[in-house]
């Protein structure tokens, strides 16, 4: 396959750089279990990449929970306080981010997480790695991000933070979620997807490239400097 060369790179965070998706599953299941409900993997796929209030509303509606969005978010935050501080990195994430930084490839973070959630996940163990991102966009906190993924807002806002204002086609996105892939494509960007191994591969067709792990990504495929 032939891909178009790019000059700038945008990274999702949850499930791509940080191994948090299983923690979200634990947190949400802890909440819905009180009402005898189950947070299924199929439901999770629909929520991944959405903003906090969007995810809460979707879950409340799908499971007919007797809660408001604010109540769900408050309970979620209590769960996150316990679960997120010791989040581990996903395979290949550190190597790839450090490689781009060393090669002076402009990189940015585009996460649907809130800024508060970001600090919970990053500050204890990963602040040095994330300091390599000069630009960070938090979808659940940034007022410029009007709509969550699968809408393109977050990637367009994130790309606009680069000083040289690249065109969408100059940007490569890394994602793990279906909604994130749709958002990147809607923004006019190429997207490398690292899906959950449980995901039906028929759901990954919109991605420009699908890899099993960031360890498998070859930067030169998109005109970027290869690993040394």
Protein backbone atom coordinates (compact mmCIF):
# COMPACT_ATOMS: atom_id res chain seq x y z
CA UNK A 1 0.00 0.00 0.00
CA UNK A 2 1.10 3.56 -0.70
CA UNK A 3 0.47 6.31 1.85
CA UNK A 4 0.77 10.07 1.50
CA UNK A 5 3.75 11.68 3.25
CA UNK A 6 3.00 13.76 6.36
CA UNK A 7 4.85 16.35 8.41
CA UNK A 8 2.89 16.50 11.70
CA UNK A 9 1.57 13.85 14.08
CA UNK A 10 -1.37 13.80 16.52
CA UNK A 11 -1.81 11.16 19.22
CA UNK A 12 -4.89 9.99 21.04
CA UNK A 13 -4.07 8.97 24.63
CA UNK A 14 -6.40 6.42 26.26
CA UNK A 15 -5.90 2.91 24.97
CA UNK A 16 -3.16 4.11 22.62
CA UNK A 17 -0.40 5.63 24.79
CA UNK A 18 -1.84 4.68 28.17
CA UNK A 19 -3.37 1.32 29.06
CA UNK A 20 -6.48 2.89 30.56
CA UNK A 21 -9.33 1.30 28.63
CA UNK A 22 -9.53 -1.70 30.94
CA UNK A 23 -9.64 0.73 33.88
CA UNK A 24 -12.58 2.60 32.32
CA UNK A 25 -14.32 -0.77 32.03
CA UNK A 26 -13.74 -1.53 35.72
CA UNK A 27 -14.90 1.95 36.75
CA UNK A 28 -18.11 1.90 34.71
CA UNK A 29 -18.93 -1.68 35.70
CA UNK A 30 -18.52 -0.74 39.37
CA UNK A 31 -21.12 1.98 38.89
CA UNK A 32 -23.70 0.05 36.84
CA UNK A 33 -23.40 -3.12 38.95
CA UNK A 34 -25.38 -1.41 41.69
CA UNK A 35 -28.37 -1.46 39.34
CA UNK A 36 -27.85 -5.04 38.18
CA UNK A 37 -26.53 -3.92 34.78
CA UNK A 38 -23.57 -5.01 32.67
CA UNK A 39 -21.16 -2.75 30.79
CA UNK A 40 -20.47 -4.84 27.69
CA UNK A 41 -17.58 -4.65 25.23
CA UNK A 42 -20.03 -3.70 22.45
CA UNK A 43 -21.22 -0.78 24.55
CA UNK A 44 -17.62 0.19 25.28
CA UNK A 45 -16.80 0.41 21.56
CA UNK A 46 -19.58 2.96 21.09
CA UNK A 47 -18.33 5.10 23.99
CA UNK A 48 -14.59 5.07 23.24
CA UNK A 49 -13.39 8.50 22.14
CA UNK A 50 -16.49 10.41 23.20
CA UNK A 51 -16.44 13.30 25.66
CA UNK A 52 -17.27 12.59 29.31
CA UNK A 53 -20.79 14.00 29.26
CA UNK A 54 -21.56 12.26 25.97
CA UNK A 55 -20.39 8.89 27.31
CA UNK A 56 -22.40 9.37 30.50
CA UNK A 57 -25.60 10.19 28.61
CA UNK A 58 -25.16 7.27 26.22
CA UNK A 59 -24.62 4.82 29.06
CA UNK A 60 -27.52 6.14 31.14
CA UNK A 61 -29.83 5.84 28.15
CA UNK A 62 -28.60 2.43 27.01
CA UNK A 63 -28.88 0.85 30.47
CA UNK A 64 -31.84 2.91 31.71
CA UNK A 65 -29.91 4.03 34.79
CA UNK A 66 -31.76 6.13 37.43
CA UNK A 67 -29.01 8.78 37.41
CA UNK A 68 -28.35 12.19 35.92
CA UNK A 69 -25.33 12.87 33.75
CA UNK A 70 -23.75 14.93 36.54
CA UNK A 71 -24.28 12.13 39.06
CA UNK A 72 -22.68 9.59 36.74
CA UNK A 73 -19.69 11.86 36.08
CA UNK A 74 -19.24 12.49 39.82
CA UNK A 75 -19.25 8.76 40.56
CA UNK A 76 -16.90 8.14 37.63
CA UNK A 77 -14.41 10.65 39.00
CA UNK A 78 -14.43 8.86 42.37
CA UNK A 79 -13.61 5.60 40.58
CA UNK A 80 -10.90 7.25 38.49
CA UNK A 81 -9.21 8.69 41.57
CA UNK A 82 -8.62 5.12 42.74
CA UNK A 83 -7.77 3.49 39.42
CA UNK A 84 -5.85 5.92 37.21
CA UNK A 85 -2.68 7.04 39.08
CA UNK A 86 -0.78 3.82 38.33
CA UNK A 87 -1.70 3.53 34.65
CA UNK A 88 0.91 1.73 32.52
CA UNK A 89 2.17 2.65 29.05
CA UNK A 90 1.08 0.72 25.97
CA UNK A 91 3.81 -1.21 24.08
CA UNK A 92 5.82 0.94 21.70
CA UNK A 93 4.32 4.27 22.79
CA UNK A 94 7.38 5.65 24.59
CA UNK A 95 9.75 4.65 21.79
CA UNK A 96 7.61 6.24 19.07
CA UNK A 97 6.97 9.53 20.90
CA UNK A 98 10.65 9.88 21.82
CA UNK A 99 11.64 9.09 18.23
CA UNK A 100 9.45 11.83 16.79
CA UNK A 101 10.71 14.28 19.41
CA UNK A 102 14.35 13.43 18.64
CA UNK A 103 13.72 13.83 14.91
CA UNK A 104 12.00 17.22 15.43
CA UNK A 105 8.68 15.98 14.04
CA UNK A 106 5.92 18.26 15.40
CA UNK A 107 3.64 16.22 17.69
CA UNK A 108 0.47 17.01 19.58
CA UNK A 109 -1.89 15.25 21.99
CA UNK A 110 -5.59 15.08 21.12
CA UNK A 111 -7.44 13.27 23.89
CA UNK A 112 -11.14 13.21 24.74
CA UNK A 113 -10.08 13.08 28.38
CA UNK A 114 -10.57 16.11 30.61
CA UNK A 115 -7.52 18.02 31.79
CA UNK A 116 -8.26 16.78 35.31
CA UNK A 117 -8.35 13.18 34.09
CA UNK A 118 -5.13 13.68 32.14
CA UNK A 119 -3.26 14.74 35.28
CA UNK A 120 -4.63 11.77 37.22
CA UNK A 121 -3.23 9.38 34.61
CA UNK A 122 0.07 11.11 33.85
CA UNK A 123 1.47 13.02 36.81
CA UNK A 124 2.63 10.12 39.02
CA UNK A 125 4.64 8.13 36.47
CA UNK A 126 4.58 9.66 32.98
CA UNK A 127 5.07 13.41 33.21
CA UNK A 128 8.50 13.29 31.53
CA UNK A 129 7.15 11.49 28.47
CA UNK A 130 4.12 13.74 28.10
CA UNK A 131 6.28 16.85 28.51
CA UNK A 132 7.52 16.04 24.98
CA UNK A 133 4.11 17.18 23.65
CA UNK A 134 4.28 20.98 23.27
CA UNK A 135 0.59 21.07 22.39
CA UNK A 136 -2.20 19.23 24.23
CA UNK A 137 -5.93 19.32 23.53
CA UNK A 138 -8.38 17.96 26.12
CA UNK A 139 -11.70 17.25 24.47
CA UNK A 140 -13.77 17.19 27.66
CA UNK A 141 -12.29 20.49 28.91
CA UNK A 142 -11.48 22.62 25.84
CA UNK A 143 -14.39 24.94 24.92
CA UNK A 144 -13.15 25.02 21.32
CA UNK A 145 -13.92 21.30 20.98
CA UNK A 146 -17.67 21.65 20.53
CA UNK A 147 -18.36 18.00 19.69
CA UNK A 148 -16.59 14.80 20.67
CA UNK A 149 -15.32 12.09 18.38
CA UNK A 150 -16.55 10.85 15.81
CA UNK A 151 -16.80 14.54 14.84
CA UNK A 152 -13.54 16.10 13.58
CA UNK A 153 -13.47 19.00 16.06
CA UNK A 154 -10.69 17.77 18.36
CA UNK A 155 -8.22 17.04 15.57
CA UNK A 156 -8.87 20.33 13.79
CA UNK A 157 -8.42 22.23 17.07
CA UNK A 158 -5.25 20.25 17.87
CA UNK A 159 -3.75 20.81 14.42
CA UNK A 160 -4.42 24.55 14.66
CA UNK A 161 -2.09 24.71 17.68
CA UNK A 162 0.95 23.91 15.54
CA UNK A 163 2.73 27.22 14.83
CA UNK A 164 3.04 26.55 11.10
CA UNK A 165 -0.67 25.70 10.66
CA UNK A 166 -0.41 22.44 8.68
CA UNK A 167 -3.17 21.38 6.33
CA UNK A 168 -5.22 18.36 7.46
CA UNK A 169 -3.61 16.15 4.83
CA UNK A 170 -0.20 16.92 6.33
CA UNK A 171 -1.24 15.40 9.67
CA UNK A 172 -1.13 11.74 10.71
CA UNK A 173 -3.32 10.61 13.60
CA UNK A 174 -2.75 7.61 15.89
CA UNK A 175 -5.94 6.12 17.35
CA UNK A 176 -7.31 2.97 18.94
CA UNK A 177 -11.04 3.75 18.85
CA UNK A 178 -13.57 3.53 16.04
CA UNK A 179 -14.92 6.97 16.93
CA UNK A 180 -11.38 8.37 16.85
CA UNK A 181 -10.73 6.93 13.40
CA UNK A 182 -13.98 8.41 12.11
CA UNK A 183 -13.04 11.78 13.62
CA UNK A 184 -9.61 11.78 11.99
CA UNK A 185 -11.03 10.85 8.60
CA UNK A 186 -13.72 13.50 8.94
CA UNK A 187 -10.92 16.01 9.61
CA UNK A 188 -9.26 15.01 6.33
CA UNK A 189 -6.32 13.28 7.99
CA UNK A 190 -4.73 9.85 7.57
CA UNK A 191 -5.03 7.64 10.63
CA UNK A 192 -3.09 4.66 11.97
CA UNK A 193 -5.31 2.45 14.12
CA UNK A 194 -4.14 0.16 16.92
CA UNK A 195 -7.40 -1.62 17.77
CA UNK A 196 -8.26 -3.65 20.82
CA UNK A 197 -7.46 -7.29 19.85
CA UNK A 198 -11.06 -8.23 20.68
CA UNK A 199 -12.42 -5.83 18.08
CA UNK A 200 -13.95 -7.27 14.91
CA UNK A 201 -11.50 -6.26 12.17
CA UNK A 202 -14.41 -5.37 9.88
CA UNK A 203 -14.84 -2.31 12.13
CA UNK A 204 -11.35 -1.01 11.29
CA UNK A 205 -11.87 -0.50 7.55
CA UNK A 206 -11.92 3.32 7.70
CA UNK A 207 -8.37 3.45 9.07
CA UNK A 208 -5.55 4.26 6.66
CA UNK A 209 -3.37 1.61 8.28
CA UNK A 210 -4.09 -0.95 11.00
CA UNK A 211 -1.29 -2.34 13.19
CA UNK A 212 -1.44 -4.72 16.14
CA UNK A 213 0.86 -2.53 18.25
CA UNK A 214 2.73 0.76 18.04
CA UNK A 215 5.83 -1.45 18.09
CA UNK A 216 4.91 -2.53 14.56
CA UNK A 217 4.61 0.97 13.07
CA UNK A 218 7.17 1.98 10.44
CA UNK A 219 7.47 5.79 10.25
CA UNK A 220 8.99 5.73 6.76
CA UNK A 221 5.67 4.51 5.33
CA UNK A 222 4.41 8.08 5.75
CA UNK A 223 7.61 9.86 4.78
CA UNK A 224 8.80 10.22 8.37
CA UNK A 225 12.34 9.41 9.56
CA UNK A 226 12.80 5.67 10.22
CA UNK A 227 13.93 4.27 13.54
CA UNK A 228 17.69 4.16 13.83
